[in-house]
């Protein structure tokens, strides 16, 4: 009886570890959040939203969170 219980327990544990290794990791796992925590944050010149510098559009002191905001600021400057 105890031997059968131990075998069932070992099969369940093996299945758990096998499924855990096969299933994909979450995209918001520790690796991505760790990278985002260490990147420099910049503010969009249009909406003032803070975004990671490598995701921002622009350079030097003018950054934008999207092409749309970049174009809006540029069109305001030209009028």
Protein backbone atom coordinates (compact mmCIF):
# COMPACT_ATOMS: atom_id res chain seq x y z
CA UNK A 1 0.00 0.00 0.00
CA UNK A 2 2.73 2.51 0.94
CA UNK A 3 4.82 1.44 -2.07
CA UNK A 4 1.89 2.18 -4.40
CA UNK A 5 1.38 5.59 -2.79
CA UNK A 6 5.08 6.45 -3.22
CA UNK A 7 4.97 5.41 -6.89
CA UNK A 8 1.90 7.60 -7.49
CA UNK A 9 3.61 10.50 -5.76
CA UNK A 10 6.74 10.07 -7.89
CA UNK A 11 4.67 9.93 -11.11
CA UNK A 12 2.79 13.10 -10.15
CA UNK A 13 6.03 14.92 -9.32
CA UNK A 14 7.66 13.80 -12.59
CA UNK A 15 4.63 14.99 -14.57
CA UNK A 16 4.69 18.35 -12.77
CA UNK A 17 8.37 18.99 -13.52
CA UNK A 18 7.98 17.80 -17.11
CA UNK A 19 5.03 20.12 -17.76
CA UNK A 20 6.81 22.98 -16.04
CA UNK A 21 9.83 22.62 -18.32
CA UNK A 22 7.74 22.25 -21.50
CA UNK A 23 5.28 25.12 -21.01
CA UNK A 24 6.58 28.54 -22.16
CA UNK A 25 7.63 31.04 -19.58
CA UNK A 26 5.53 34.16 -19.15
CA UNK A 27 6.60 37.19 -21.19
CA UNK A 28 6.43 39.29 -18.05
CA UNK A 29 8.78 37.01 -16.16
CA UNK A 30 11.70 38.14 -14.06
CA UNK A 31 14.13 38.43 -17.00
CA UNK A 32 12.07 41.11 -18.79
CA UNK A 33 11.15 43.03 -15.66
CA UNK A 34 14.81 43.02 -14.56
CA UNK A 35 15.85 44.54 -17.91
CA UNK A 36 13.14 47.19 -17.73
CA UNK A 37 14.11 48.13 -14.17
CA UNK A 38 17.69 48.92 -15.21
CA UNK A 39 16.97 50.90 -18.38
CA UNK A 40 17.01 54.69 -18.40
CA UNK A 41 13.55 56.23 -18.42
CA UNK A 42 12.78 59.29 -20.56
CA UNK A 43 9.68 61.46 -20.81
CA UNK A 44 7.64 61.85 -23.99
CA UNK A 45 7.89 65.50 -25.04
CA UNK A 46 4.20 65.50 -26.03
CA UNK A 47 2.22 63.54 -23.40
CA UNK A 48 4.85 63.43 -20.61
CA UNK A 49 4.61 59.62 -20.33
CA UNK A 50 7.78 57.95 -19.04
CA UNK A 51 9.09 55.14 -21.24
CA UNK A 52 12.34 53.17 -21.50
CA UNK A 53 14.92 55.03 -23.59
CA UNK A 54 15.47 52.08 -25.94
CA UNK A 55 11.72 52.06 -26.74
CA UNK A 56 11.50 55.82 -27.25
CA UNK A 57 11.57 57.58 -30.61
CA UNK A 58 13.98 60.49 -30.90
CA UNK A 59 17.32 61.39 -29.37
CA UNK A 60 19.17 63.80 -27.10
CA UNK A 61 16.60 65.80 -25.10
CA UNK A 62 13.54 65.16 -27.34
CA UNK A 63 11.89 61.76 -26.91
CA UNK A 64 8.46 60.54 -27.96
CA UNK A 65 6.43 57.46 -27.05
CA UNK A 66 5.11 57.04 -30.61
CA UNK A 67 5.55 58.26 -34.17
CA UNK A 68 2.15 59.97 -33.87
CA UNK A 69 3.31 62.14 -30.97
CA UNK A 70 6.56 62.95 -32.75
CA UNK A 71 4.63 64.06 -35.85
CA UNK A 72 2.20 66.13 -33.76
CA UNK A 73 5.03 68.06 -32.12
CA UNK A 74 6.82 68.56 -35.42
CA UNK A 75 3.62 69.83 -37.10
CA UNK A 76 3.02 72.25 -34.18
CA UNK A 77 6.56 73.59 -34.58
CA UNK A 78 6.05 74.18 -38.32
CA UNK A 79 2.88 76.26 -37.91
